[in-house]
Amino acid sequence: MILKREFSFDAAHYLPDYHGKCERLHGHTYRAAIFVEGVPDEEGMVMDFVELKELIRDKLLSKLDHSCLNDIIKRPSAEYIALWIWNEMMSVIDDGRRSLKYVQVWESPDSSILIDRGDFEKFSDRLEVARG
């Protein structure tokens, strides 16, 4: 079974190696989703939605919401934001009974990236976090 929790955050960013208007500082209301695959526990849940909401708040929103994403991720494209979210969440979700299945990030209502474990394993070495 796969459960999904969506959330949103407001943040600014710029794309330093991009040639166009996105190389200048601008903002988005991002939407993202965490997909968790697993077997229901004795209470019938793959994962408690309240627990997932709290993890998202503590691990992600506390850092991303109303921030300049370049202070967190050197090249904060939707693709690298998704990789960063995967990196932050996999250790708190993967427990043998359940695992992170997908991360999806929308930069606009009709433009998103969806990544899975294979994408993370293949491309996570390209993810550069900013040094505060």
N, C-alpha and C. Protein backbone atom coordinates (compact mmCIF):
# COMPACT_ATOMS: atom_id res chain seq x y z
N MET A 1 0.84 -1.18 0.00
CA MET A 1 0.00 0.00 0.00
C MET A 1 0.89 1.24 0.00
N ILE A 2 0.38 2.30 -0.63
CA ILE A 2 1.12 3.56 -0.68
C ILE A 2 0.23 4.67 -0.15
N LEU A 3 0.72 5.39 0.85
CA LEU A 3 0.00 6.57 1.33
C LEU A 3 0.75 7.81 0.88
N LYS A 4 0.02 8.92 0.85
CA LYS A 4 0.60 10.18 0.37
C LYS A 4 0.18 11.30 1.31
N ARG A 5 1.13 12.18 1.58
CA ARG A 5 0.84 13.40 2.35
C ARG A 5 1.38 14.58 1.55
N GLU A 6 0.51 15.56 1.27
CA GLU A 6 0.92 16.77 0.55
C GLU A 6 1.10 17.91 1.53
N PHE A 7 1.96 18.85 1.16
CA PHE A 7 2.19 20.05 1.96
C PHE A 7 2.66 21.15 1.03
N SER A 8 2.66 22.37 1.53
CA SER A 8 3.13 23.49 0.71
C SER A 8 4.02 24.39 1.55
N PHE A 9 4.83 25.16 0.84
CA PHE A 9 5.69 26.13 1.51
C PHE A 9 6.00 27.26 0.53
N ASP A 10 6.25 28.42 1.09
CA ASP A 10 6.62 29.59 0.30
C ASP A 10 8.12 29.81 0.46
N ALA A 11 8.79 30.01 -0.67
CA ALA A 11 10.24 30.21 -0.61
C ALA A 11 10.71 30.96 -1.84
N ALA A 12 11.86 31.59 -1.70
CA ALA A 12 12.51 32.28 -2.81
C ALA A 12 13.72 31.46 -3.24
N HIS A 13 14.13 31.67 -4.48
CA HIS A 13 15.36 31.06 -4.96
C HIS A 13 15.80 31.75 -6.24
N TYR A 14 16.99 31.45 -6.65
CA TYR A 14 17.49 31.85 -7.97
C TYR A 14 18.34 30.70 -8.48
N LEU A 15 18.46 30.59 -9.79
CA LEU A 15 19.23 29.51 -10.40
C LEU A 15 20.49 30.11 -10.99
N PRO A 16 21.62 29.99 -10.30
CA PRO A 16 22.84 30.71 -10.68
C PRO A 16 23.40 30.36 -12.05
N ASP A 17 23.18 29.17 -12.54
CA ASP A 17 23.75 28.79 -13.83
C ASP A 17 22.72 28.81 -14.96
N TYR A 18 21.55 29.35 -14.68
CA TYR A 18 20.46 29.39 -15.65
C TYR A 18 20.53 30.72 -16.39
N HIS A 19 20.27 30.71 -17.66
CA HIS A 19 20.28 31.95 -18.44
C HIS A 19 18.85 32.29 -18.82
N GLY A 20 18.28 33.20 -18.08
CA GLY A 20 16.89 33.59 -18.26
C GLY A 20 16.40 34.24 -16.98
N LYS A 21 15.10 34.51 -16.93
CA LYS A 21 14.58 35.26 -15.79
C LYS A 21 14.71 34.52 -14.46
N CYS A 22 14.83 33.19 -14.48
CA CYS A 22 14.95 32.43 -13.23
C CYS A 22 16.33 32.55 -12.59
N GLU A 23 17.27 33.20 -13.27
CA GLU A 23 18.57 33.41 -12.64
C GLU A 23 18.50 34.54 -11.61
N ARG A 24 17.41 35.31 -11.65
CA ARG A 24 17.20 36.38 -10.66
C ARG A 24 16.36 35.84 -9.50
N LEU A 25 16.52 36.44 -8.35
CA LEU A 25 15.76 36.04 -7.17
C LEU A 25 14.26 36.18 -7.44
N HIS A 26 13.51 35.13 -7.15
CA HIS A 26 12.06 35.13 -7.30
C HIS A 26 11.48 34.08 -6.36
N GLY A 27 10.18 34.10 -6.21
CA GLY A 27 9.55 33.19 -5.25
C GLY A 27 8.50 32.29 -5.86
N HIS A 28 8.18 31.25 -5.12
CA HIS A 28 7.14 30.30 -5.50
C HIS A 28 6.37 29.89 -4.25
N THR A 29 5.14 29.48 -4.46
CA THR A 29 4.45 28.68 -3.47
C THR A 29 4.59 27.25 -3.97
N TYR A 30 5.51 26.53 -3.36
CA TYR A 30 5.78 25.16 -3.75
C TYR A 30 4.74 24.23 -3.12
N ARG A 31 4.45 23.17 -3.81
CA ARG A 31 3.67 22.08 -3.25
C ARG A 31 4.53 20.83 -3.36
N ALA A 32 4.44 19.98 -2.38
CA ALA A 32 5.22 18.74 -2.41
C ALA A 32 4.39 17.61 -1.83
N ALA A 33 4.80 16.40 -2.15
CA ALA A 33 4.13 15.21 -1.63
C ALA A 33 5.17 14.17 -1.27
N ILE A 34 4.91 13.51 -0.16
CA ILE A 34 5.72 12.38 0.30
C ILE A 34 4.85 11.14 0.15
N PHE A 35 5.36 10.13 -0.53
CA PHE A 35 4.66 8.86 -0.70
C PHE A 35 5.40 7.80 0.12
N VAL A 36 4.66 7.09 0.94
CA VAL A 36 5.25 6.06 1.81
C VAL A 36 4.60 4.72 1.47
N GLU A 37 5.44 3.72 1.19
CA GLU A 37 4.94 2.38 0.87
C GLU A 37 5.20 1.47 2.05
N GLY A 38 4.23 0.63 2.35
CA GLY A 38 4.45 -0.29 3.45
C GLY A 38 3.30 -1.23 3.69
N VAL A 39 3.45 -1.98 4.76
CA VAL A 39 2.46 -2.95 5.19
C VAL A 39 1.75 -2.36 6.41
N PRO A 40 0.42 -2.42 6.45
CA PRO A 40 -0.28 -1.89 7.62
C PRO A 40 0.17 -2.59 8.91
N ASP A 41 0.29 -1.79 9.97
CA ASP A 41 0.65 -2.34 11.28
C ASP A 41 -0.58 -2.95 11.95
N GLU A 42 -0.45 -3.30 13.22
CA GLU A 42 -1.56 -3.93 13.95
C GLU A 42 -2.76 -3.00 14.10
N GLU A 43 -2.55 -1.69 13.96
CA GLU A 43 -3.66 -0.73 14.00
C GLU A 43 -4.24 -0.47 12.61
N GLY A 44 -3.66 -1.12 11.59
CA GLY A 44 -4.18 -0.98 10.23
C GLY A 44 -3.60 0.19 9.45
N MET A 45 -2.46 0.74 9.91
CA MET A 45 -1.87 1.91 9.26
C MET A 45 -0.49 1.61 8.69
N VAL A 46 -0.26 2.07 7.46
CA VAL A 46 1.10 2.05 6.91
C VAL A 46 1.95 3.02 7.72
N MET A 47 1.38 4.19 8.00
CA MET A 47 2.03 5.21 8.83
C MET A 47 0.94 6.14 9.32
N ASP A 48 1.02 6.56 10.55
CA ASP A 48 0.05 7.50 11.10
C ASP A 48 0.21 8.84 10.39
N PHE A 49 -0.88 9.36 9.82
CA PHE A 49 -0.81 10.65 9.12
C PHE A 49 -0.33 11.77 10.03
N VAL A 50 -0.70 11.72 11.30
CA VAL A 50 -0.26 12.76 12.25
C VAL A 50 1.25 12.70 12.42
N GLU A 51 1.80 11.49 12.54
CA GLU A 51 3.25 11.33 12.66
C GLU A 51 3.96 11.88 11.42
N LEU A 52 3.43 11.57 10.23
CA LEU A 52 4.05 12.06 9.00
C LEU A 52 3.95 13.58 8.92
N LYS A 53 2.82 14.14 9.31
CA LYS A 53 2.65 15.60 9.31
C LYS A 53 3.69 16.25 10.22
N GLU A 54 3.92 15.68 11.39
CA GLU A 54 4.90 16.23 12.33
C GLU A 54 6.32 16.11 11.80
N LEU A 55 6.64 15.00 11.15
CA LEU A 55 7.97 14.83 10.55
C LEU A 55 8.20 15.86 9.45
N ILE A 56 7.19 16.07 8.62
CA ILE A 56 7.30 17.07 7.55
C ILE A 56 7.52 18.45 8.15
N ARG A 57 6.76 18.77 9.19
CA ARG A 57 6.91 20.08 9.85
C ARG A 57 8.32 20.24 10.43
N ASP A 58 8.78 19.22 11.16
CA ASP A 58 10.05 19.33 11.87
C ASP A 58 11.27 19.21 10.96
N LYS A 59 11.23 18.31 9.99
CA LYS A 59 12.40 18.05 9.13
C LYS A 59 12.45 18.93 7.89
N LEU A 60 11.29 19.39 7.41
CA LEU A 60 11.25 20.11 6.13
C LEU A 60 10.77 21.54 6.27
N LEU A 61 9.53 21.71 6.73
CA LEU A 61 8.95 23.06 6.74
C LEU A 61 9.72 24.01 7.64
N SER A 62 10.28 23.51 8.72
CA SER A 62 11.04 24.38 9.62
C SER A 62 12.26 24.97 8.92
N LYS A 63 12.73 24.32 7.87
CA LYS A 63 13.89 24.81 7.12
C LYS A 63 13.50 25.51 5.82
N LEU A 64 12.48 25.00 5.13
CA LEU A 64 12.15 25.49 3.79
C LEU A 64 11.21 26.69 3.77
N ASP A 65 10.22 26.70 4.65
CA ASP A 65 9.17 27.71 4.55
C ASP A 65 9.71 29.11 4.83
N HIS A 66 9.39 30.03 3.93
CA HIS A 66 9.82 31.43 4.01
C HIS A 66 11.34 31.56 4.10
N SER A 67 12.01 30.78 3.28
CA SER A 67 13.47 30.84 3.23
C SER A 67 13.93 31.21 1.83
N CYS A 68 15.21 31.50 1.72
CA CYS A 68 15.86 31.57 0.42
C CYS A 68 16.50 30.20 0.24
N LEU A 69 15.99 29.42 -0.69
CA LEU A 69 16.43 28.03 -0.85
C LEU A 69 17.92 27.92 -1.17
N ASN A 70 18.50 28.96 -1.74
CA ASN A 70 19.94 28.94 -2.04
C ASN A 70 20.78 28.88 -0.77
N ASP A 71 20.21 29.25 0.37
CA ASP A 71 20.91 29.12 1.65
C ASP A 71 20.93 27.67 2.13
N ILE A 72 20.13 26.81 1.49
CA ILE A 72 20.02 25.40 1.88
C ILE A 72 20.62 24.48 0.81
N ILE A 73 20.28 24.77 -0.44
CA ILE A 73 20.69 23.95 -1.59
C ILE A 73 21.38 24.87 -2.59
N LYS A 74 22.56 24.52 -3.04
CA LYS A 74 23.31 25.43 -3.93
C LYS A 74 22.59 25.71 -5.23
N ARG A 75 21.98 24.71 -5.84
CA ARG A 75 21.25 24.89 -7.10
C ARG A 75 19.82 24.39 -6.88
N PRO A 76 18.95 25.24 -6.32
CA PRO A 76 17.64 24.77 -5.89
C PRO A 76 16.59 24.68 -7.01
N SER A 77 16.87 23.84 -8.00
CA SER A 77 15.85 23.51 -8.99
C SER A 77 14.83 22.57 -8.33
N ALA A 78 13.69 22.39 -8.94
CA ALA A 78 12.70 21.46 -8.40
C ALA A 78 13.30 20.07 -8.24
N GLU A 79 14.16 19.67 -9.19
CA GLU A 79 14.80 18.36 -9.12
C GLU A 79 15.66 18.22 -7.87
N TYR A 80 16.47 19.24 -7.58
CA TYR A 80 17.36 19.15 -6.43
C TYR A 80 16.61 19.37 -5.12
N ILE A 81 15.52 20.12 -5.15
CA ILE A 81 14.69 20.23 -3.95
C ILE A 81 14.11 18.86 -3.61
N ALA A 82 13.65 18.12 -4.63
CA ALA A 82 13.12 16.78 -4.40
C ALA A 82 14.19 15.85 -3.84
N LEU A 83 15.40 15.91 -4.38
CA LEU A 83 16.50 15.09 -3.86
C LEU A 83 16.81 15.45 -2.41
N TRP A 84 16.80 16.75 -2.08
CA TRP A 84 17.07 17.19 -0.72
C TRP A 84 15.99 16.67 0.23
N ILE A 85 14.72 16.77 -0.19
CA ILE A 85 13.62 16.26 0.64
C ILE A 85 13.81 14.76 0.88
N TRP A 86 14.13 14.01 -0.17
CA TRP A 86 14.36 12.57 -0.01
C TRP A 86 15.46 12.32 1.02
N ASN A 87 16.55 13.03 0.89
CA ASN A 87 17.68 12.87 1.80
C ASN A 87 17.28 13.15 3.25
N GLU A 88 16.47 14.15 3.46
CA GLU A 88 16.04 14.51 4.81
C GLU A 88 15.06 13.49 5.40
N MET A 89 14.21 12.90 4.55
CA MET A 89 13.12 12.07 5.05
C MET A 89 13.40 10.57 5.10
N MET A 90 14.33 10.08 4.29
CA MET A 90 14.48 8.61 4.19
C MET A 90 14.85 7.97 5.52
N SER A 91 15.69 8.61 6.30
CA SER A 91 16.14 7.99 7.55
C SER A 91 15.05 7.94 8.61
N VAL A 92 14.07 8.83 8.54
CA VAL A 92 13.01 8.83 9.55
C VAL A 92 11.78 8.03 9.10
N ILE A 93 11.73 7.66 7.83
CA ILE A 93 10.59 6.88 7.33
C ILE A 93 10.96 5.41 7.15
N ASP A 94 12.09 5.14 6.53
CA ASP A 94 12.48 3.75 6.25
C ASP A 94 12.74 3.01 7.56
N ASP A 95 11.94 1.98 7.82
CA ASP A 95 12.11 1.24 9.08
C ASP A 95 11.96 -0.27 8.93
N GLY A 96 12.01 -0.78 7.71
CA GLY A 96 11.86 -2.21 7.50
C GLY A 96 10.44 -2.62 7.17
N ARG A 97 9.46 -1.91 7.72
CA ARG A 97 8.05 -2.18 7.43
C ARG A 97 7.50 -1.20 6.41
N ARG A 98 8.10 -0.04 6.37
CA ARG A 98 7.67 1.01 5.44
C ARG A 98 8.90 1.68 4.87
N SER A 99 8.72 2.33 3.72
CA SER A 99 9.85 3.03 3.09
C SER A 99 9.33 4.17 2.23
N LEU A 100 10.21 5.13 2.03
CA LEU A 100 9.90 6.24 1.14
C LEU A 100 9.79 5.69 -0.27
N LYS A 101 8.69 6.00 -0.96
CA LYS A 101 8.45 5.47 -2.31
C LYS A 101 8.70 6.53 -3.37
N TYR A 102 8.11 7.72 -3.19
CA TYR A 102 8.28 8.83 -4.13
C TYR A 102 8.32 10.13 -3.36
N VAL A 103 8.95 11.12 -3.96
CA VAL A 103 8.84 12.52 -3.54
C VAL A 103 8.47 13.29 -4.79
N GLN A 104 7.45 14.14 -4.67
CA GLN A 104 7.03 14.97 -5.80
C GLN A 104 7.07 16.43 -5.35
N VAL A 105 7.59 17.29 -6.21
CA VAL A 105 7.67 18.73 -5.93
C VAL A 105 7.08 19.47 -7.12
N TRP A 106 6.10 20.34 -6.84
CA TRP A 106 5.51 21.22 -7.84
C TRP A 106 6.09 22.61 -7.66
N GLU A 107 6.63 23.17 -8.74
CA GLU A 107 7.10 24.55 -8.72
C GLU A 107 5.97 25.49 -9.11
N SER A 108 5.00 24.97 -9.84
CA SER A 108 3.81 25.72 -10.23
C SER A 108 2.67 24.70 -10.29
N PRO A 109 1.44 25.16 -10.44
CA PRO A 109 0.32 24.21 -10.45
C PRO A 109 0.41 23.12 -11.52
N ASP A 110 1.12 23.40 -12.60
CA ASP A 110 1.16 22.41 -13.69
C ASP A 110 2.57 21.90 -14.02
N SER A 111 3.55 22.15 -13.15
CA SER A 111 4.92 21.70 -13.41
C SER A 111 5.50 21.06 -12.15
N SER A 112 5.86 19.77 -12.27
CA SER A 112 6.40 19.07 -11.10
C SER A 112 7.44 18.05 -11.51
N ILE A 113 8.17 17.58 -10.51
CA ILE A 113 9.14 16.49 -10.68
C ILE A 113 8.75 15.40 -9.68
N LEU A 114 8.84 14.15 -10.11
CA LEU A 114 8.57 13.00 -9.26
C LEU A 114 9.82 12.13 -9.27
N ILE A 115 10.35 11.85 -8.08
CA ILE A 115 11.54 11.00 -7.99
C ILE A 115 11.25 9.77 -7.15
N ASP A 116 12.02 8.72 -7.41
CA ASP A 116 11.94 7.50 -6.62
C ASP A 116 13.33 7.16 -6.08
N ARG A 117 13.44 6.03 -5.42
CA ARG A 117 14.70 5.64 -4.80
C ARG A 117 15.83 5.53 -5.83
N GLY A 118 15.52 4.99 -7.01
CA GLY A 118 16.53 4.87 -8.06
C GLY A 118 17.08 6.22 -8.48
N ASP A 119 16.19 7.21 -8.60
CA ASP A 119 16.64 8.57 -8.94
C ASP A 119 17.54 9.12 -7.85
N PHE A 120 17.14 8.92 -6.59
CA PHE A 120 17.96 9.41 -5.48
C PHE A 120 19.34 8.76 -5.51
N GLU A 121 19.37 7.45 -5.68
CA GLU A 121 20.66 6.75 -5.69
C GLU A 121 21.53 7.18 -6.87
N LYS A 122 20.90 7.46 -8.00
CA LYS A 122 21.65 7.83 -9.20
C LYS A 122 22.15 9.28 -9.16
N PHE A 123 21.36 10.18 -8.58
CA PHE A 123 21.67 11.61 -8.70
C PHE A 123 22.01 12.31 -7.39
N SER A 124 21.93 11.63 -6.25
CA SER A 124 22.16 12.33 -4.98
C SER A 124 23.58 12.87 -4.85
N ASP A 125 24.53 12.30 -5.58
CA ASP A 125 25.90 12.81 -5.51
C ASP A 125 26.01 14.20 -6.14
N ARG A 126 25.02 14.61 -6.92
CA ARG A 126 25.02 15.95 -7.52
C ARG A 126 24.44 17.01 -6.58
N LEU A 127 23.76 16.56 -5.54
CA LEU A 127 23.13 17.48 -4.60
C LEU A 127 24.19 18.16 -3.76
N GLU A 128 24.24 19.47 -3.83
CA GLU A 128 25.19 20.24 -3.03
C GLU A 128 24.41 21.09 -2.04
N VAL A 129 24.63 20.85 -0.78
CA VAL A 129 23.98 21.67 0.22
C VAL A 129 24.83 22.91 0.46
N ALA A 130 24.16 24.00 0.75
CA ALA A 130 24.86 25.25 1.01
C ALA A 130 25.49 25.19 2.40
N ARG A 131 26.57 25.81 2.56
CA ARG A 131 27.25 25.86 3.86
C ARG A 131 26.96 27.22 4.48
N GLY A 132 26.27 27.19 5.63
CA GLY A 132 25.87 28.42 6.29
C GLY A 132 27.00 29.12 6.84
